[in-house]
């Protein structure tokens, strides 16, 4: 008990043997080994104690390994949760930046949605090819998140395609850290929503045209 050893029990029975039944004693104290008094020589007692200590050492090693495995499992679950968060916001392009906000790794259907290859984009700043409006209204928000090492989710941004077509994306990112806990850039993804944005824009135009036509018709009715 002093050593916190709950896996090895060593009991020394003294007194009258007729007052105790060995089987009951072994069961009650969960004895690992039993040695009758007639066989309790110094050598056998030494071997018995050493064997018990070795058993305790093995148990301690097992407990330490079990604790280590639990820690690893906990870390893996945390990584899985982080990966799930990224997958929940994953898009057509996955990227990673360094601490200066420049792309260090890019994958996905890059050339289709940007017109640039991964090699061309590597080293470019995150705000590369953003139009003036996006640079002034949206980029400061993303830059603010990166400065504070905060995650950001589904922020609408726009960039010019290599063919000068304006494209729209939902961008999400989260900070990356080194093993020592130091900030090491960002990792995230972007989803191309250009068709959706353009359809919404076209819808708004049609509604505006319809309302204008209705106003003209109303004015004509009043004039008549």
Protein backbone atom coordinates (compact mmCIF):
# COMPACT_ATOMS: atom_id res chain seq x y z
CA UNK A 1 0.00 0.00 0.00
CA UNK A 2 2.90 2.35 0.80
CA UNK A 3 4.28 1.90 -2.72
CA UNK A 4 0.87 2.16 -4.31
CA UNK A 5 1.22 -1.44 -5.43
CA UNK A 6 -2.28 -2.78 -5.97
CA UNK A 7 -1.34 -5.60 -8.30
CA UNK A 8 1.04 -7.62 -6.08
CA UNK A 9 -0.04 -8.90 -2.68
CA UNK A 10 2.48 -10.47 -0.28
CA UNK A 11 1.08 -11.75 2.99
CA UNK A 12 2.95 -13.35 5.89
CA UNK A 13 0.72 -15.46 8.11
CA UNK A 14 1.76 -15.99 11.69
CA UNK A 15 0.05 -17.70 14.61
CA UNK A 16 -1.97 -20.87 14.73
CA UNK A 17 -2.58 -22.45 11.33
CA UNK A 18 -5.76 -24.15 12.49
CA UNK A 19 -7.45 -20.76 12.83
CA UNK A 20 -7.09 -19.97 9.10
CA UNK A 21 -7.88 -21.89 5.95
CA UNK A 22 -5.30 -21.27 3.23
CA UNK A 23 -7.86 -21.15 0.40
CA UNK A 24 -9.89 -18.51 2.24
CA UNK A 25 -6.76 -16.50 2.96
CA UNK A 26 -5.65 -16.61 -0.69
CA UNK A 27 -9.09 -15.55 -1.86
CA UNK A 28 -9.50 -12.78 0.72
CA UNK A 29 -6.15 -11.13 0.04
CA UNK A 30 -5.88 -11.99 -3.69
CA UNK A 31 -2.54 -13.71 -3.06
CA UNK A 32 -0.19 -14.09 -6.05
CA UNK A 33 1.78 -16.92 -4.52
CA UNK A 34 1.62 -19.12 -1.43
CA UNK A 35 4.48 -20.70 0.44
CA UNK A 36 3.93 -23.09 3.36
CA UNK A 37 5.99 -22.41 6.46
CA UNK A 38 7.91 -25.66 6.00
CA UNK A 39 9.20 -24.35 2.64
CA UNK A 40 9.80 -20.77 3.71
CA UNK A 41 13.57 -20.75 3.45
CA UNK A 42 15.49 -17.51 3.01
CA UNK A 43 16.30 -18.32 -0.60
CA UNK A 44 12.69 -19.11 -1.50
CA UNK A 45 11.40 -16.00 0.25
CA UNK A 46 13.97 -13.89 -1.63
CA UNK A 47 12.93 -15.39 -4.96
CA UNK A 48 9.25 -14.88 -4.11
CA UNK A 49 9.76 -11.22 -3.24
CA UNK A 50 11.89 -10.57 -6.35
CA UNK A 51 9.26 -12.21 -8.52
CA UNK A 52 6.58 -10.06 -6.93
CA UNK A 53 8.64 -6.90 -7.51
CA UNK A 54 9.22 -7.86 -11.15
CA UNK A 55 5.49 -8.38 -11.55
CA UNK A 56 4.93 -4.92 -10.07
CA UNK A 57 7.50 -3.41 -12.46
CA UNK A 58 5.76 -5.04 -15.42
CA UNK A 59 2.44 -3.69 -14.17
CA UNK A 60 3.90 -0.18 -13.84
CA UNK A 61 5.33 -0.40 -17.35
CA UNK A 62 1.96 -1.57 -18.65
CA UNK A 63 0.17 1.29 -16.87
CA UNK A 64 2.64 3.82 -18.30
CA UNK A 65 2.17 2.40 -21.81
CA UNK A 66 -1.60 2.43 -21.37
CA UNK A 67 -1.48 6.08 -20.27
CA UNK A 68 0.71 6.94 -23.27
CA UNK A 69 -1.67 5.19 -25.64
CA UNK A 70 -4.63 7.05 -24.14
CA UNK A 71 -2.79 10.33 -24.66
CA UNK A 72 -2.07 9.39 -28.28
CA UNK A 73 -5.72 8.40 -28.81
CA UNK A 74 -6.81 11.73 -27.34
CA UNK A 75 -4.44 13.61 -29.65
CA UNK A 76 -5.68 11.59 -32.64
CA UNK A 77 -9.30 12.41 -31.76
CA UNK A 78 -8.36 16.07 -31.58
CA UNK A 79 -6.66 15.85 -34.98
CA UNK A 80 -9.70 14.06 -36.40
CA UNK A 81 -11.93 16.82 -35.07
CA UNK A 82 -9.68 19.45 -36.67
CA UNK A 83 -9.70 17.52 -39.95
CA UNK A 84 -13.50 17.23 -39.80
CA UNK A 85 -13.75 20.98 -39.29
CA UNK A 86 -11.58 21.51 -42.35
CA UNK A 87 -13.52 18.94 -44.39
CA UNK A 88 -16.79 20.60 -43.39
CA UNK A 89 -15.54 23.78 -45.04
CA UNK A 90 -13.48 22.20 -47.78
CA UNK A 91 -13.82 23.50 -51.28
CA UNK A 92 -12.25 23.41 -54.69
CA UNK A 93 -8.86 24.61 -53.52
CA UNK A 94 -6.89 23.74 -50.38
CA UNK A 95 -4.07 26.06 -49.39
CA UNK A 96 -1.48 26.75 -46.74
CA UNK A 97 0.39 29.97 -46.01
CA UNK A 98 3.45 30.90 -44.00
CA UNK A 99 3.54 33.52 -41.23
CA UNK A 100 3.85 36.28 -43.82
CA UNK A 101 0.59 35.21 -45.50
CA UNK A 102 2.18 33.79 -48.66
CA UNK A 103 1.04 30.52 -50.18
CA UNK A 104 3.41 27.65 -49.44
CA UNK A 105 1.23 24.75 -50.61
CA UNK A 106 -1.84 24.57 -52.85
CA UNK A 107 -3.84 21.62 -54.11
CA UNK A 108 -7.13 20.92 -55.79
CA UNK A 109 -8.66 21.95 -59.11
CA UNK A 110 -6.47 25.05 -59.16
CA UNK A 111 -5.97 25.77 -62.83
CA UNK A 112 -9.68 25.40 -63.58
CA UNK A 113 -10.86 27.88 -60.97
CA UNK A 114 -7.93 30.33 -61.03
CA UNK A 115 -6.19 29.82 -64.35
CA UNK A 116 -2.87 29.57 -62.49
CA UNK A 117 -0.85 26.49 -61.67
CA UNK A 118 0.16 25.61 -58.12
CA UNK A 119 3.72 26.60 -58.99
CA UNK A 120 2.60 30.04 -60.17
CA UNK A 121 0.59 30.66 -57.00
CA UNK A 122 3.21 29.39 -54.56
CA UNK A 123 4.90 32.38 -52.97
CA UNK A 124 2.08 34.76 -53.87
CA UNK A 125 0.35 36.64 -51.02
CA UNK A 126 -3.11 35.53 -49.92
CA UNK A 127 -4.67 38.71 -51.35
CA UNK A 128 -3.12 38.07 -54.77
CA UNK A 129 -5.39 39.06 -57.69
CA UNK A 130 -8.09 40.54 -55.45
CA UNK A 131 -9.94 43.49 -56.99
CA UNK A 132 -9.77 46.88 -55.29
CA UNK A 133 -13.20 46.55 -53.66
CA UNK A 134 -12.29 43.20 -52.08
CA UNK A 135 -8.91 44.53 -50.96
CA UNK A 136 -10.56 47.43 -49.21
CA UNK A 137 -13.60 45.73 -47.67
CA UNK A 138 -12.84 42.03 -47.19
CA UNK A 139 -9.09 41.56 -47.02
CA UNK A 140 -8.73 43.67 -43.82
CA UNK A 141 -11.14 41.27 -42.06
CA UNK A 142 -9.16 38.18 -43.10
CA UNK A 143 -5.87 39.89 -42.33
CA UNK A 144 -7.22 40.78 -38.89
CA UNK A 145 -8.07 37.15 -38.19
CA UNK A 146 -4.61 36.05 -39.27
CA UNK A 147 -2.92 38.68 -37.13
CA UNK A 148 -4.81 37.40 -34.06
CA UNK A 149 -4.41 33.71 -35.03
CA UNK A 150 -8.18 33.33 -35.23
CA UNK A 151 -10.03 30.93 -37.50
CA UNK A 152 -12.39 32.32 -40.13
CA UNK A 153 -15.19 30.56 -41.98
CA UNK A 154 -16.99 31.10 -45.28
CA UNK A 155 -15.92 34.67 -45.93
CA UNK A 156 -16.88 35.70 -49.45
CA UNK A 157 -13.89 36.95 -51.44
CA UNK A 158 -13.22 37.66 -55.09
CA UNK A 159 -10.14 37.24 -57.27
CA UNK A 160 -9.39 37.74 -60.93
CA UNK A 161 -8.96 34.59 -62.97
CA UNK A 162 -5.87 34.53 -65.16
CA UNK A 163 -8.17 35.35 -68.09
CA UNK A 164 -9.32 38.51 -66.18
CA UNK A 165 -12.74 37.06 -65.34
CA UNK A 166 -13.80 38.01 -61.81
CA UNK A 167 -14.37 34.89 -59.70
CA UNK A 168 -16.02 34.55 -56.30
CA UNK A 169 -15.11 32.16 -53.51
CA UNK A 170 -16.03 31.21 -49.95
CA UNK A 171 -12.80 31.14 -48.01
CA UNK A 172 -12.15 29.41 -44.66
CA UNK A 173 -8.91 29.04 -42.73
CA UNK A 174 -7.44 28.18 -39.37
CA UNK A 175 -4.01 28.78 -37.80
CA UNK A 176 -1.27 26.14 -37.90
CA UNK A 177 1.21 25.67 -35.07
CA UNK A 178 4.60 24.00 -34.72
CA UNK A 179 5.19 21.16 -32.25
CA UNK A 180 6.46 23.76 -29.77
CA UNK A 181 3.23 25.74 -30.11
CA UNK A 182 4.56 28.58 -32.25
CA UNK A 183 2.32 30.03 -35.01
CA UNK A 184 3.25 28.60 -38.39
CA UNK A 185 0.89 30.16 -40.90
CA UNK A 186 -2.62 29.16 -41.93
CA UNK A 187 -4.31 26.23 -43.63
CA UNK A 188 -7.65 26.47 -45.34
CA UNK A 189 -9.86 25.97 -48.36
CA UNK A 190 -11.86 27.92 -50.92
CA UNK A 191 -15.03 27.00 -52.76
CA UNK A 192 -15.88 28.52 -56.11
CA UNK A 193 -19.31 30.18 -55.86
CA UNK A 194 -19.02 32.29 -59.01
CA UNK A 195 -22.07 30.77 -60.71
CA UNK A 196 -24.17 31.29 -57.59
CA UNK A 197 -23.08 34.92 -57.19
CA UNK A 198 -23.66 35.67 -60.87
CA UNK A 199 -27.09 34.05 -60.80
CA UNK A 200 -28.01 36.12 -57.75
CA UNK A 201 -26.68 39.24 -59.49
CA UNK A 202 -28.68 38.45 -62.60
CA UNK A 203 -31.75 37.82 -60.46
CA UNK A 204 -31.37 41.22 -58.79
CA UNK A 205 -31.01 42.87 -62.22
CA UNK A 206 -34.18 41.22 -63.49
CA UNK A 207 -36.08 42.28 -60.38
CA UNK A 208 -34.81 45.84 -60.77
CA UNK A 209 -35.82 45.88 -64.44
CA UNK A 210 -39.26 44.52 -63.56
CA UNK A 211 -39.79 47.18 -60.90
CA UNK A 212 -38.63 49.89 -63.30
CA UNK A 213 -41.06 48.65 -65.94
CA UNK A 214 -43.86 48.61 -63.38
CA UNK A 215 -43.08 52.20 -62.38
CA UNK A 216 -43.13 53.29 -66.05
CA UNK A 217 -46.41 51.49 -66.56
CA UNK A 218 -47.87 53.16 -63.49
CA UNK A 219 -46.68 56.57 -64.69
CA UNK A 220 -48.25 55.92 -68.11
CA UNK A 221 -51.55 54.95 -66.48
CA UNK A 222 -51.54 58.10 -64.39
CA UNK A 223 -50.71 60.25 -67.40
CA UNK A 224 -53.57 58.68 -69.36
